[in-house]
Amino acid sequence: QLVESGGGWVQPGGSLRLSCAASGFASYISLMAWFRQTPGGEREFVAAAGMGRASRYADSVKGRFIISRDAGKNTATLRMNSLKPEDTATYYCAARTVWITTYHKDASYDHWGQGTQVTVSS
């Protein structure tokens, strides 16, 4: 089970922090990621963090968002800075027990959170 928290409303240029906590897994989760989706849109890759690997980001958030993992824990955090109205979406945490090169595809993930809304507007 994945549980997200930390969504909300923020003005353009502001910051938010999303957290994802995983439970019920028998071992350490190798790959955790964040996706986002707008109404009527497809689920879009945002960022991924693999154990012992460099973090990966979508071009649209590179330099503004930071994904991190707590060492030895099945948790992931997404720090979102310099937020823009186009970042408005429902953000989902995803997890996979084994690393995969197609980390940017939602079909690669076995486990999903319920989503948390992020709204960026003035």
C-alpha atoms as a PDB file:
ATOM      1  CA  GLN A   1       0.000   0.000   0.000  1.00  0.00           C
ATOM      2  CA  LEU A   2       1.199   3.479  -0.898  1.00  0.00           C
ATOM      3  CA  VAL A   3      -0.098   6.562   0.872  1.00  0.00           C
ATOM      4  CA  GLU A   4       0.620  10.076  -0.376  1.00  0.00           C
ATOM      5  CA  SER A   5       0.373  13.279   1.603  1.00  0.00           C
ATOM      6  CA  GLY A   6       1.285  16.935   1.276  1.00  0.00           C
ATOM      7  CA  GLY A   7      -0.787  18.196  -1.624  1.00  0.00           C
ATOM      8  CA  GLY A   8      -2.692  21.472  -1.553  1.00  0.00           C
ATOM      9  CA  TRP A   9      -2.966  24.919  -3.032  1.00  0.00           C
ATOM     10  CA  VAL A  10      -0.054  27.259  -3.643  1.00  0.00           C
ATOM     11  CA  GLN A  11       0.521  30.442  -5.574  1.00  0.00           C
ATOM     12  CA  PRO A  12       2.779  30.442  -8.648  1.00  0.00           C
ATOM     13  CA  GLY A  13       6.411  30.476  -7.623  1.00  0.00           C
ATOM     14  CA  GLY A  14       5.660  28.723  -4.362  1.00  0.00           C
ATOM     15  CA  SER A  15       6.746  25.347  -3.060  1.00  0.00           C
ATOM     16  CA  LEU A  16       5.114  22.150  -1.871  1.00  0.00           C
ATOM     17  CA  ARG A  17       6.414  18.890  -0.528  1.00  0.00           C
ATOM     18  CA  LEU A  18       4.762  15.557  -1.259  1.00  0.00           C
ATOM     19  CA  SER A  19       5.466  12.411   0.715  1.00  0.00           C
ATOM     20  CA  CYS A  20       4.810   8.778  -0.051  1.00  0.00           C
ATOM     21  CA  ALA A  21       4.957   5.988   2.492  1.00  0.00           C
ATOM     22  CA  ALA A  22       4.824   2.344   1.501  1.00  0.00           C
ATOM     23  CA  SER A  23       3.694  -0.447   3.763  1.00  0.00           C
ATOM     24  CA  GLY A  24       3.143  -4.148   3.483  1.00  0.00           C
ATOM     25  CA  PHE A  25       6.170  -4.848   1.328  1.00  0.00           C
ATOM     26  CA  ALA A  26       8.365  -7.771   2.279  1.00  0.00           C
ATOM     27  CA  SER A  27      11.553  -6.058   1.158  1.00  0.00           C
ATOM     28  CA  TYR A  28      13.043  -2.708   0.265  1.00  0.00           C
ATOM     29  CA  ILE A  29      11.420  -1.145  -2.771  1.00  0.00           C
ATOM     30  CA  SER A  30      13.979  -0.608  -5.501  1.00  0.00           C
ATOM     31  CA  LEU A  31      12.124   2.008  -7.513  1.00  0.00           C
ATOM     32  CA  MET A  32       9.730   4.724  -6.408  1.00  0.00           C
ATOM     33  CA  ALA A  33       8.354   7.412  -8.674  1.00  0.00           C
ATOM     34  CA  TRP A  34       5.882  10.222  -9.017  1.00  0.00           C
ATOM     35  CA  PHE A  35       3.426  10.688 -11.846  1.00  0.00           C
ATOM     36  CA  ARG A  36       0.738  13.307 -12.354  1.00  0.00           C
ATOM     37  CA  GLN A  37      -2.523  13.506 -14.210  1.00  0.00           C
ATOM     38  CA  THR A  38      -4.937  16.262 -15.147  1.00  0.00           C
ATOM     39  CA  PRO A  39      -8.647  15.703 -15.833  1.00  0.00           C
ATOM     40  CA  GLY A  40      -8.991  14.185 -19.267  1.00  0.00           C
ATOM     41  CA  GLY A  41      -5.242  13.812 -19.602  1.00  0.00           C
ATOM     42  CA  GLU A  42      -2.881  10.877 -19.515  1.00  0.00           C
ATOM     43  CA  ARG A  43      -0.766  10.027 -16.530  1.00  0.00           C
ATOM     44  CA  GLU A  44       2.565  11.778 -16.954  1.00  0.00           C
ATOM     45  CA  PHE A  45       5.954  10.857 -15.543  1.00  0.00           C
ATOM     46  CA  VAL A  46       7.416  13.398 -13.127  1.00  0.00           C
ATOM     47  CA  ALA A  47      10.386  11.864 -11.292  1.00  0.00           C
ATOM     48  CA  ALA A  48      11.857   8.533 -10.231  1.00  0.00           C
ATOM     49  CA  ALA A  49      14.383   7.415  -7.641  1.00  0.00           C
ATOM     50  CA  GLY A  50      16.036   4.018  -7.741  1.00  0.00           C
ATOM     51  CA  MET A  51      18.147   2.461  -5.031  1.00  0.00           C
ATOM     52  CA  GLY A  52      21.774   3.310  -5.781  1.00  0.00           C
ATOM     53  CA  ARG A  53      20.913   5.129  -8.966  1.00  0.00           C
ATOM     54  CA  ALA A  54      20.705   8.740 -10.050  1.00  0.00           C
ATOM     55  CA  SER A  55      17.291  10.319  -9.847  1.00  0.00           C
ATOM     56  CA  ARG A  56      15.442  10.864 -13.105  1.00  0.00           C
ATOM     57  CA  TYR A  57      13.173  13.773 -14.009  1.00  0.00           C
ATOM     58  CA  ALA A  58      10.807  14.839 -16.724  1.00  0.00           C
ATOM     59  CA  ASP A  59      12.168  17.780 -18.688  1.00  0.00           C
ATOM     60  CA  SER A  60       9.212  19.884 -17.565  1.00  0.00           C
ATOM     61  CA  VAL A  61      10.250  19.692 -13.897  1.00  0.00           C
ATOM     62  CA  LYS A  62      14.017  19.360 -14.128  1.00  0.00           C
ATOM     63  CA  GLY A  63      15.745  21.955 -11.971  1.00  0.00           C
ATOM     64  CA  ARG A  64      12.566  22.680 -10.006  1.00  0.00           C
ATOM     65  CA  PHE A  65      11.581  19.342  -8.444  1.00  0.00           C
ATOM     66  CA  ILE A  66      13.700  17.054  -6.296  1.00  0.00           C
ATOM     67  CA  ILE A  67      12.873  13.448  -5.499  1.00  0.00           C
ATOM     68  CA  SER A  68      14.508  11.771  -2.547  1.00  0.00           C
ATOM     69  CA  ARG A  69      14.376   8.483  -0.693  1.00  0.00           C
ATOM     70  CA  ASP A  70      14.892   7.798   2.984  1.00  0.00           C
ATOM     71  CA  ALA A  71      17.773   5.381   3.294  1.00  0.00           C
ATOM     72  CA  GLY A  72      16.579   1.955   4.297  1.00  0.00           C
ATOM     73  CA  LYS A  73      12.934   2.998   4.298  1.00  0.00           C
ATOM     74  CA  ASN A  74      10.215   2.601   1.743  1.00  0.00           C
ATOM     75  CA  THR A  75       9.429   6.290   1.539  1.00  0.00           C
ATOM     76  CA  ALA A  76       9.815   8.936  -1.130  1.00  0.00           C
ATOM     77  CA  THR A  77       9.554  12.694  -1.043  1.00  0.00           C
ATOM     78  CA  LEU A  78       8.986  15.107  -3.898  1.00  0.00           C
ATOM     79  CA  ARG A  79      10.029  18.673  -3.220  1.00  0.00           C
ATOM     80  CA  MET A  80       8.411  20.976  -5.734  1.00  0.00           C
ATOM     81  CA  ASN A  81       9.821  24.491  -6.123  1.00  0.00           C
ATOM     82  CA  SER A  82       9.042  27.374  -8.451  1.00  0.00           C
ATOM     83  CA  LEU A  83       5.627  25.895  -9.086  1.00  0.00           C
ATOM     84  CA  LYS A  84       3.722  26.924 -12.185  1.00  0.00           C
ATOM     85  CA  PRO A  85       0.002  26.768 -12.993  1.00  0.00           C
ATOM     86  CA  GLU A  86       0.767  23.985 -15.459  1.00  0.00           C
ATOM     87  CA  ASP A  87       1.980  21.857 -12.546  1.00  0.00           C
ATOM     88  CA  THR A  88      -1.616  21.635 -11.350  1.00  0.00           C
ATOM     89  CA  ALA A  89      -2.613  17.971 -11.327  1.00  0.00           C
ATOM     90  CA  THR A  90      -3.290  14.969  -9.179  1.00  0.00           C
ATOM     91  CA  TYR A  91       0.054  13.501  -8.172  1.00  0.00           C
ATOM     92  CA  TYR A  92       0.475   9.772  -7.735  1.00  0.00           C
ATOM     93  CA  CYS A  93       3.186   7.791  -6.040  1.00  0.00           C
ATOM     94  CA  ALA A  94       4.221   4.556  -7.732  1.00  0.00           C
ATOM     95  CA  ALA A  95       6.486   1.720  -6.691  1.00  0.00           C
ATOM     96  CA  ARG A  96       8.199  -1.277  -8.148  1.00  0.00           C
ATOM     97  CA  THR A  97      10.293  -3.794  -6.251  1.00  0.00           C
ATOM     98  CA  VAL A  98      12.846  -4.160  -9.071  1.00  0.00           C
ATOM     99  CA  TRP A  99      14.519  -1.441 -11.135  1.00  0.00           C
ATOM    100  CA  ILE A 100      13.424  -1.148 -14.747  1.00  0.00           C
ATOM    101  CA  THR A 101      14.753   1.039 -17.543  1.00  0.00           C
ATOM    102  CA  THR A 102      11.230   2.047 -18.534  1.00  0.00           C
ATOM    103  CA  TYR A 103      10.792   3.873 -15.222  1.00  0.00           C
ATOM    104  CA  HIS A 104       9.032   6.700 -17.065  1.00  0.00           C
ATOM    105  CA  LYS A 105       6.123   4.528 -18.184  1.00  0.00           C
ATOM    106  CA  ASP A 106       3.196   4.066 -15.848  1.00  0.00           C
ATOM    107  CA  ALA A 107       2.691   0.514 -17.080  1.00  0.00           C
ATOM    108  CA  SER A 108       6.021  -0.393 -15.465  1.00  0.00           C
ATOM    109  CA  TYR A 109       4.661  -0.022 -11.933  1.00  0.00           C
ATOM    110  CA  ASP A 110       2.826  -2.571  -9.849  1.00  0.00           C
ATOM    111  CA  HIS A 111       1.729  -0.390  -6.987  1.00  0.00           C
ATOM    112  CA  TRP A 112       0.026   3.000  -6.862  1.00  0.00           C
ATOM    113  CA  GLY A 113      -1.151   5.449  -4.262  1.00  0.00           C
ATOM    114  CA  GLN A 114      -4.558   7.072  -4.219  1.00  0.00           C
ATOM    115  CA  GLY A 115      -3.270  10.432  -5.433  1.00  0.00           C
ATOM    116  CA  THR A 116      -3.010  13.887  -3.901  1.00  0.00           C
ATOM    117  CA  GLN A 117      -4.180  17.110  -5.531  1.00  0.00           C
ATOM    118  CA  VAL A 118      -1.775  19.949  -6.232  1.00  0.00           C
ATOM    119  CA  THR A 119      -3.252  23.257  -7.373  1.00  0.00           C
ATOM    120  CA  VAL A 120      -1.091  26.179  -8.456  1.00  0.00           C
ATOM    121  CA  SER A 121      -3.013  29.388  -9.003  1.00  0.00           C
ATOM    122  CA  SER A 122      -3.173  32.994  -7.958  1.00  0.00           C
END
